[in-house]
């Protein structure tokens, strides 16, 4: 598959699927340093890094969703 065919297939995907492809390409780029071709060795994740990644993945694709609830929908309110 050439670059033109790859770009054509990518452009035909829905926006959220293109975002997944981009995330995967970023993942591969991090795993293998493109300048040296050597694999990247990542240290253990900190709790903060893992938490940020988890939240990012959980909320992916929800950026443009309309909020459909109000304060009246809350069961509890923190004071």
PDB file of N, CA and C in Angstrom:
ATOM      1  N   UNK A   1       0.856  -1.174   0.000  1.00  0.00           N
ATOM      2  CA  UNK A   1       0.000   0.000   0.000  1.00  0.00           C
ATOM      3  C   UNK A   1       0.897   1.229   0.000  1.00  0.00           C
ATOM      4  N   UNK A   2       0.653   2.125  -0.928  1.00  0.00           N
ATOM      5  CA  UNK A   2       1.428   3.354  -1.005  1.00  0.00           C
ATOM      6  C   UNK A   2       0.840   4.438  -0.122  1.00  0.00           C
ATOM      7  N   UNK A   3       1.588   5.541  -0.008  1.00  0.00           N
ATOM      8  CA  UNK A   3       1.130   6.648   0.841  1.00  0.00           C
ATOM      9  C   UNK A   3      -0.185   7.238   0.348  1.00  0.00           C
ATOM     10  N   UNK A   4      -0.355   7.360  -0.967  1.00  0.00           N
ATOM     11  CA  UNK A   4      -1.586   7.939  -1.512  1.00  0.00           C
ATOM     12  C   UNK A   4      -2.796   7.086  -1.129  1.00  0.00           C
ATOM     13  N   UNK A   5      -2.655   5.764  -1.228  1.00  0.00           N
ATOM     14  CA  UNK A   5      -3.758   4.872  -0.870  1.00  0.00           C
ATOM     15  C   UNK A   5      -4.034   4.930   0.636  1.00  0.00           C
ATOM     16  N   UNK A   6      -2.970   4.992   1.409  1.00  0.00           N
ATOM     17  CA  UNK A   6      -3.118   5.094   2.860  1.00  0.00           C
ATOM     18  C   UNK A   6      -3.853   6.376   3.244  1.00  0.00           C
ATOM     19  N   UNK A   7      -3.447   7.496   2.670  1.00  0.00           N
ATOM     20  CA  UNK A   7      -4.098   8.787   2.953  1.00  0.00           C
ATOM     21  C   UNK A   7      -5.556   8.747   2.524  1.00  0.00           C
ATOM     22  N   UNK A   8      -5.830   8.151   1.370  1.00  0.00           N
ATOM     23  CA  UNK A   8      -7.205   8.051   0.878  1.00  0.00           C
ATOM     24  C   UNK A   8      -8.075   7.257   1.849  1.00  0.00           C
ATOM     25  N   UNK A   9      -7.560   6.131   2.326  1.00  0.00           N
ATOM     26  CA  UNK A   9      -8.318   5.311   3.278  1.00  0.00           C
ATOM     27  C   UNK A   9      -8.509   6.049   4.599  1.00  0.00           C
ATOM     28  N   UNK A  10      -7.482   6.762   5.033  1.00  0.00           N
ATOM     29  CA  UNK A  10      -7.563   7.526   6.273  1.00  0.00           C
ATOM     30  C   UNK A  10      -8.616   8.623   6.172  1.00  0.00           C
ATOM     31  N   UNK A  11      -8.640   9.327   5.058  1.00  0.00           N
ATOM     32  CA  UNK A  11      -9.611  10.411   4.879  1.00  0.00           C
ATOM     33  C   UNK A  11     -11.042   9.895   4.802  1.00  0.00           C
ATOM     34  N   UNK A  12     -11.229   8.630   4.410  1.00  0.00           N
ATOM     35  CA  UNK A  12     -12.568   8.055   4.317  1.00  0.00           C
ATOM     36  C   UNK A  12     -13.121   7.640   5.680  1.00  0.00           C
ATOM     37  N   UNK A  13     -12.255   7.545   6.690  1.00  0.00           N
ATOM     38  CA  UNK A  13     -12.692   7.139   8.023  1.00  0.00           C
ATOM     39  C   UNK A  13     -13.439   8.264   8.735  1.00  0.00           C
ATOM     40  N   UNK A  14     -14.338   7.910   9.651  1.00  0.00           N
ATOM     41  CA  UNK A  14     -14.968   8.932  10.497  1.00  0.00           C
ATOM     42  C   UNK A  14     -13.911   9.612  11.368  1.00  0.00           C
ATOM     43  N   UNK A  15     -14.220  10.805  11.814  1.00  0.00           N
ATOM     44  CA  UNK A  15     -13.274  11.622  12.577  1.00  0.00           C
ATOM     45  C   UNK A  15     -12.710  10.891  13.796  1.00  0.00           C
ATOM     46  N   UNK A  16     -13.581  10.191  14.555  1.00  0.00           N
ATOM     47  CA  UNK A  16     -13.101   9.523  15.765  1.00  0.00           C
ATOM     48  C   UNK A  16     -12.168   8.360  15.440  1.00  0.00           C
ATOM     49  N   UNK A  17     -12.378   7.703  14.304  1.00  0.00           N
ATOM     50  CA  UNK A  17     -11.477   6.614  13.895  1.00  0.00           C
ATOM     51  C   UNK A  17     -10.134   7.177  13.428  1.00  0.00           C
ATOM     52  N   UNK A  18     -10.147   8.339  12.779  1.00  0.00           N
ATOM     53  CA  UNK A  18      -8.882   8.986  12.391  1.00  0.00           C
ATOM     54  C   UNK A  18      -8.091   9.339  13.646  1.00  0.00           C
ATOM     55  N   UNK A  19      -8.787   9.753  14.695  1.00  0.00           N
ATOM     56  CA  UNK A  19      -8.118  10.078  15.959  1.00  0.00           C
ATOM     57  C   UNK A  19      -7.478   8.824  16.549  1.00  0.00           C
ATOM     58  N   UNK A  20      -8.148   7.680  16.429  1.00  0.00           N
ATOM     59  CA  UNK A  20      -7.566   6.425  16.926  1.00  0.00           C
ATOM     60  C   UNK A  20      -6.306   6.064  16.145  1.00  0.00           C
ATOM     61  N   UNK A  21      -6.354   6.264  14.823  1.00  0.00           N
ATOM     62  CA  UNK A  21      -5.173   5.988  13.991  1.00  0.00           C
ATOM     63  C   UNK A  21      -4.031   6.894  14.415  1.00  0.00           C
ATOM     64  N   UNK A  22      -4.317   8.173  14.637  1.00  0.00           N
ATOM     65  CA  UNK A  22      -3.285   9.108  15.057  1.00  0.00           C
ATOM     66  C   UNK A  22      -2.681   8.690  16.399  1.00  0.00           C
ATOM     67  N   UNK A  23      -3.546   8.295  17.340  1.00  0.00           N
ATOM     68  CA  UNK A  23      -3.063   7.838  18.647  1.00  0.00           C
ATOM     69  C   UNK A  23      -2.148   6.627  18.500  1.00  0.00           C
ATOM     70  N   UNK A  24      -2.523   5.700  17.609  1.00  0.00           N
ATOM     71  CA  UNK A  24      -1.708   4.503  17.406  1.00  0.00           C
ATOM     72  C   UNK A  24      -0.362   4.860  16.788  1.00  0.00           C
ATOM     73  N   UNK A  25      -0.369   5.774  15.828  1.00  0.00           N
ATOM     74  CA  UNK A  25       0.888   6.202  15.207  1.00  0.00           C
ATOM     75  C   UNK A  25       1.777   6.870  16.252  1.00  0.00           C
ATOM     76  N   UNK A  26       1.198   7.690  17.121  1.00  0.00           N
ATOM     77  CA  UNK A  26       1.970   8.311  18.201  1.00  0.00           C
ATOM     78  C   UNK A  26       2.553   7.253  19.125  1.00  0.00           C
ATOM     79  N   UNK A  27       1.752   6.240  19.438  1.00  0.00           N
ATOM     80  CA  UNK A  27       2.209   5.133  20.278  1.00  0.00           C
ATOM     81  C   UNK A  27       3.413   4.437  19.636  1.00  0.00           C
ATOM     82  N   UNK A  28       3.312   4.141  18.340  1.00  0.00           N
ATOM     83  CA  UNK A  28       4.417   3.488  17.641  1.00  0.00           C
ATOM     84  C   UNK A  28       5.651   4.378  17.600  1.00  0.00           C
ATOM     85  N   UNK A  29       5.452   5.674  17.395  1.00  0.00           N
ATOM     86  CA  UNK A  29       6.582   6.600  17.347  1.00  0.00           C
ATOM     87  C   UNK A  29       7.309   6.647  18.687  1.00  0.00           C
ATOM     88  N   UNK A  30       6.558   6.577  19.773  1.00  0.00           N
ATOM     89  CA  UNK A  30       7.170   6.593  21.099  1.00  0.00           C
ATOM     90  C   UNK A  30       7.903   5.279  21.363  1.00  0.00           C
ATOM     91  N   UNK A  31       7.300   4.173  20.932  1.00  0.00           N
ATOM     92  CA  UNK A  31       7.924   2.853  21.149  1.00  0.00           C
ATOM     93  C   UNK A  31       9.240   2.704  20.417  1.00  0.00           C
ATOM     94  N   UNK A  32       9.368   3.365  19.277  1.00  0.00           N
ATOM     95  CA  UNK A  32      10.581   3.227  18.482  1.00  0.00           C
ATOM     96  C   UNK A  32      11.058   4.622  18.104  1.00  0.00           C
ATOM     97  N   UNK A  33      12.186   5.020  18.628  1.00  0.00           N
ATOM     98  CA  UNK A  33      12.752   6.322  18.303  1.00  0.00           C
ATOM     99  C   UNK A  33      13.035   6.357  16.803  1.00  0.00           C
ATOM    100  N   UNK A  34      12.290   7.175  16.072  1.00  0.00           N
ATOM    101  CA  UNK A  34      12.420   7.198  14.617  1.00  0.00           C
ATOM    102  C   UNK A  34      13.780   7.696  14.160  1.00  0.00           C
ATOM    103  N   UNK A  35      14.481   8.433  14.975  1.00  0.00           N
ATOM    104  CA  UNK A  35      15.804   8.933  14.579  1.00  0.00           C
ATOM    105  C   UNK A  35      16.855   7.832  14.636  1.00  0.00           C
ATOM    106  N   UNK A  36      16.789   6.986  15.667  1.00  0.00           N
ATOM    107  CA  UNK A  36      17.805   5.947  15.837  1.00  0.00           C
ATOM    108  C   UNK A  36      17.314   4.564  15.455  1.00  0.00           C
ATOM    109  N   UNK A  37      15.998   4.367  15.437  1.00  0.00           N
ATOM    110  CA  UNK A  37      15.439   3.056  15.160  1.00  0.00           C
ATOM    111  C   UNK A  37      15.484   2.121  16.348  1.00  0.00           C
ATOM    112  N   UNK A  38      15.962   2.628  17.474  1.00  0.00           N
ATOM    113  CA  UNK A  38      16.054   1.798  18.680  1.00  0.00           C
ATOM    114  C   UNK A  38      14.758   1.904  19.480  1.00  0.00           C
ATOM    115  N   UNK A  39      14.351   0.821  20.118  1.00  0.00           N
ATOM    116  CA  UNK A  39      13.137   0.879  20.928  1.00  0.00           C
ATOM    117  C   UNK A  39      13.298   1.816  22.118  1.00  0.00           C
ATOM    118  N   UNK A  40      12.220   2.471  22.453  1.00  0.00           N
ATOM    119  CA  UNK A  40      12.190   3.371  23.598  1.00  0.00           C
ATOM    120  C   UNK A  40      11.823   2.561  24.835  1.00  0.00           C
ATOM    121  N   UNK A  41      12.599   2.676  25.879  1.00  0.00           N
ATOM    122  CA  UNK A  41      12.318   1.980  27.132  1.00  0.00           C
ATOM    123  C   UNK A  41      11.717   2.996  28.091  1.00  0.00           C
ATOM    124  N   UNK A  42      10.474   2.788  28.426  1.00  0.00           N
ATOM    125  CA  UNK A  42       9.762   3.711  29.309  1.00  0.00           C
ATOM    126  C   UNK A  42       9.872   3.215  30.743  1.00  0.00           C
ATOM    127  N   UNK A  43      10.159   4.121  31.630  1.00  0.00           N
ATOM    128  CA  UNK A  43      10.192   3.785  33.054  1.00  0.00           C
ATOM    129  C   UNK A  43       8.765   3.491  33.514  1.00  0.00           C
ATOM    130  N   UNK A  44       8.632   2.979  34.690  1.00  0.00           N
ATOM    131  CA  UNK A  44       7.308   2.710  35.232  1.00  0.00           C
ATOM    132  C   UNK A  44       6.476   3.991  35.241  1.00  0.00           C
ATOM    133  N   UNK A  45       5.189   3.848  34.982  1.00  0.00           N
ATOM    134  CA  UNK A  45       4.285   4.992  34.990  1.00  0.00           C
ATOM    135  C   UNK A  45       4.044   5.444  36.427  1.00  0.00           C
ATOM    136  N   UNK A  46       4.004   6.755  36.611  1.00  0.00           N
ATOM    137  CA  UNK A  46       3.598   7.269  37.908  1.00  0.00           C
ATOM    138  C   UNK A  46       2.072   7.182  37.995  1.00  0.00           C
ATOM    139  N   UNK A  47       1.551   7.271  39.197  1.00  0.00           N
ATOM    140  CA  UNK A  47       0.099   7.249  39.361  1.00  0.00           C
ATOM    141  C   UNK A  47      -0.550   8.402  38.604  1.00  0.00           C
ATOM    142  N   UNK A  48       0.087   9.570  38.622  1.00  0.00           N
ATOM    143  CA  UNK A  48      -0.464  10.745  37.934  1.00  0.00           C
ATOM    144  C   UNK A  48      -0.487  10.530  36.427  1.00  0.00           C
ATOM    145  N   UNK A  49       0.585   9.956  35.861  1.00  0.00           N
ATOM    146  CA  UNK A  49       0.629   9.702  34.416  1.00  0.00           C
ATOM    147  C   UNK A  49      -0.443   8.693  34.009  1.00  0.00           C
ATOM    148  N   UNK A  50      -0.570   7.625  34.792  1.00  0.00           N
ATOM    149  CA  UNK A  50      -1.560   6.605  34.478  1.00  0.00           C
ATOM    150  C   UNK A  50      -2.971   7.177  34.607  1.00  0.00           C
ATOM    151  N   UNK A  51      -3.201   7.973  35.614  1.00  0.00           N
ATOM    152  CA  UNK A  51      -4.507   8.587  35.816  1.00  0.00           C
ATOM    153  C   UNK A  51      -4.862   9.510  34.653  1.00  0.00           C
ATOM    154  N   UNK A  52      -3.891  10.306  34.203  1.00  0.00           N
ATOM    155  CA  UNK A  52      -4.134  11.206  33.078  1.00  0.00           C
ATOM    156  C   UNK A  52      -4.451  10.423  31.806  1.00  0.00           C
ATOM    157  N   UNK A  53      -3.695   9.363  31.536  1.00  0.00           N
ATOM    158  CA  UNK A  53      -3.952   8.536  30.366  1.00  0.00           C
ATOM    159  C   UNK A  53      -5.329   7.883  30.454  1.00  0.00           C
ATOM    160  N   UNK A  54      -5.664   7.352  31.620  1.00  0.00           N
ATOM    161  CA  UNK A  54      -6.958   6.695  31.794  1.00  0.00           C
ATOM    162  C   UNK A  54      -8.105   7.662  31.537  1.00  0.00           C
ATOM    163  N   UNK A  55      -8.000   8.859  32.086  1.00  0.00           N
ATOM    164  CA  UNK A  55      -9.054   9.850  31.894  1.00  0.00           C
ATOM    165  C   UNK A  55      -9.157  10.261  30.424  1.00  0.00           C
ATOM    166  N   UNK A  56      -8.009  10.442  29.786  1.00  0.00           N
ATOM    167  CA  UNK A  56      -7.996  10.803  28.369  1.00  0.00           C
ATOM    168  C   UNK A  56      -8.696   9.731  27.534  1.00  0.00           C
ATOM    169  N   UNK A  57      -8.398   8.462  27.803  1.00  0.00           N
ATOM    170  CA  UNK A  57      -9.007   7.375  27.050  1.00  0.00           C
ATOM    171  C   UNK A  57     -10.504   7.257  27.351  1.00  0.00           C
ATOM    172  N   UNK A  58     -10.883   7.445  28.598  1.00  0.00           N
ATOM    173  CA  UNK A  58     -12.293   7.330  28.973  1.00  0.00           C
ATOM    174  C   UNK A  58     -13.139   8.423  28.329  1.00  0.00           C
ATOM    175  N   UNK A  59     -12.577   9.605  28.157  1.00  0.00           N
ATOM    176  CA  UNK A  59     -13.334  10.741  27.628  1.00  0.00           C
ATOM    177  C   UNK A  59     -13.140  10.962  26.135  1.00  0.00           C
ATOM    178  N   UNK A  60     -12.306  10.121  25.493  1.00  0.00           N
ATOM    179  CA  UNK A  60     -12.033  10.303  24.069  1.00  0.00           C
ATOM    180  C   UNK A  60     -13.327  10.254  23.266  1.00  0.00           C
ATOM    181  N   UNK A  61     -13.507  11.231  22.407  1.00  0.00           N
ATOM    182  CA  UNK A  61     -14.682  11.308  21.556  1.00  0.00           C
ATOM    183  C   UNK A  61     -15.853  12.042  22.172  1.00  0.00           C
ATOM    184  N   UNK A  62     -15.728  12.455  23.423  1.00  0.00           N
ATOM    185  CA  UNK A  62     -16.837  13.124  24.100  1.00  0.00           C
ATOM    186  C   UNK A  62     -16.688  14.641  24.115  1.00  0.00           C
ATOM    187  N   UNK A  63     -15.618  15.158  23.495  1.00  0.00           N
ATOM    188  CA  UNK A  63     -15.332  16.585  23.583  1.00  0.00           C
ATOM    189  C   UNK A  63     -16.471  17.452  23.052  1.00  0.00           C
ATOM    190  N   UNK A  64     -17.167  16.976  22.035  1.00  0.00           N
ATOM    191  CA  UNK A  64     -18.186  17.804  21.392  1.00  0.00           C
ATOM    192  C   UNK A  64     -19.607  17.416  21.778  1.00  0.00           C
ATOM    193  N   UNK A  65     -19.756  16.464  22.709  1.00  0.00           N
ATOM    194  CA  UNK A  65     -21.094  16.063  23.129  1.00  0.00           C
ATOM    195  C   UNK A  65     -21.732  17.171  23.964  1.00  0.00           C
ATOM    196  N   UNK A  66     -22.987  17.389  23.701  1.00  0.00           N
ATOM    197  CA  UNK A  66     -23.720  18.410  24.443  1.00  0.00           C
ATOM    198  C   UNK A  66     -24.007  17.900  25.858  1.00  0.00           C
ATOM    199  N   UNK A  67     -23.972  18.791  26.831  1.00  0.00           N
ATOM    200  CA  UNK A  67     -24.297  18.436  28.204  1.00  0.00           C
ATOM    201  C   UNK A  67     -25.812  18.354  28.298  1.00  0.00           C
ATOM    202  N   UNK A  68     -26.302  17.219  28.756  1.00  0.00           N
ATOM    203  CA  UNK A  68     -27.759  17.016  28.776  1.00  0.00           C
ATOM    204  C   UNK A  68     -28.313  16.910  30.198  1.00  0.00           C
ATOM    205  N   UNK A  69     -27.612  17.457  31.157  1.00  0.00           N
ATOM    206  CA  UNK A  69     -28.100  17.414  32.527  1.00  0.00           C
ATOM    207  C   UNK A  69     -27.900  18.776  33.170  1.00  0.00           C
ATOM    208  N   UNK A  70     -28.627  18.993  34.268  1.00  0.00           N
ATOM    209  CA  UNK A  70     -28.549  20.259  34.996  1.00  0.00           C
ATOM    210  C   UNK A  70     -28.237  19.960  36.450  1.00  0.00           C
ATOM    211  N   UNK A  71     -28.127  20.993  37.248  1.00  0.00           N
ATOM    212  CA  UNK A  71     -27.884  20.815  38.690  1.00  0.00           C
ATOM    213  C   UNK A  71     -29.038  20.060  39.358  1.00  0.00           C
ATOM    214  N   UNK A  72     -30.230  20.177  38.802  1.00  0.00           N
ATOM    215  CA  UNK A  72     -31.392  19.490  39.377  1.00  0.00           C
ATOM    216  C   UNK A  72     -31.273  17.972  39.256  1.00  0.00           C
ATOM    217  N   UNK A  73     -30.442  17.496  38.353  1.00  0.00           N
ATOM    218  CA  UNK A  73     -30.242  16.066  38.157  1.00  0.00           C
ATOM    219  C   UNK A  73     -29.315  15.433  39.199  1.00  0.00           C
ATOM    220  N   UNK A  74     -28.609  16.251  39.972  1.00  0.00           N
ATOM    221  CA  UNK A  74     -27.667  15.733  40.944  1.00  0.00           C
ATOM    222  C   UNK A  74     -28.377  15.110  42.139  1.00  0.00           C
ATOM    223  N   UNK A  75     -27.859  13.979  42.583  1.00  0.00           N
ATOM    224  CA  UNK A  75     -28.416  13.347  43.780  1.00  0.00           C
ATOM    225  C   UNK A  75     -27.823  13.969  45.028  1.00  0.00           C
ATOM    226  N   UNK A  76     -26.536  14.280  44.965  1.00  0.00           N
ATOM    227  CA  UNK A  76     -25.837  14.903  46.096  1.00  0.00           C
ATOM    228  C   UNK A  76     -25.105  16.125  45.623  1.00  0.00           C
ATOM    229  N   UNK A  77     -24.951  17.065  46.505  1.00  0.00           N
ATOM    230  CA  UNK A  77     -24.173  18.276  46.197  1.00  0.00           C
ATOM    231  C   UNK A  77     -23.095  18.410  47.260  1.00  0.00           C
ATOM    232  N   UNK A  78     -21.884  18.647  46.820  1.00  0.00           N
ATOM    233  CA  UNK A  78     -20.771  18.822  47.742  1.00  0.00           C
ATOM    234  C   UNK A  78     -20.692  20.276  48.143  1.00  0.00           C
ATOM    235  N   UNK A  79     -20.619  20.490  49.425  1.00  0.00           N
ATOM    236  CA  UNK A  79     -20.577  21.864  49.942  1.00  0.00           C
ATOM    237  C   UNK A  79     -19.177  22.275  50.227  1.00  0.00           C
TER     238      UNK A  79
END
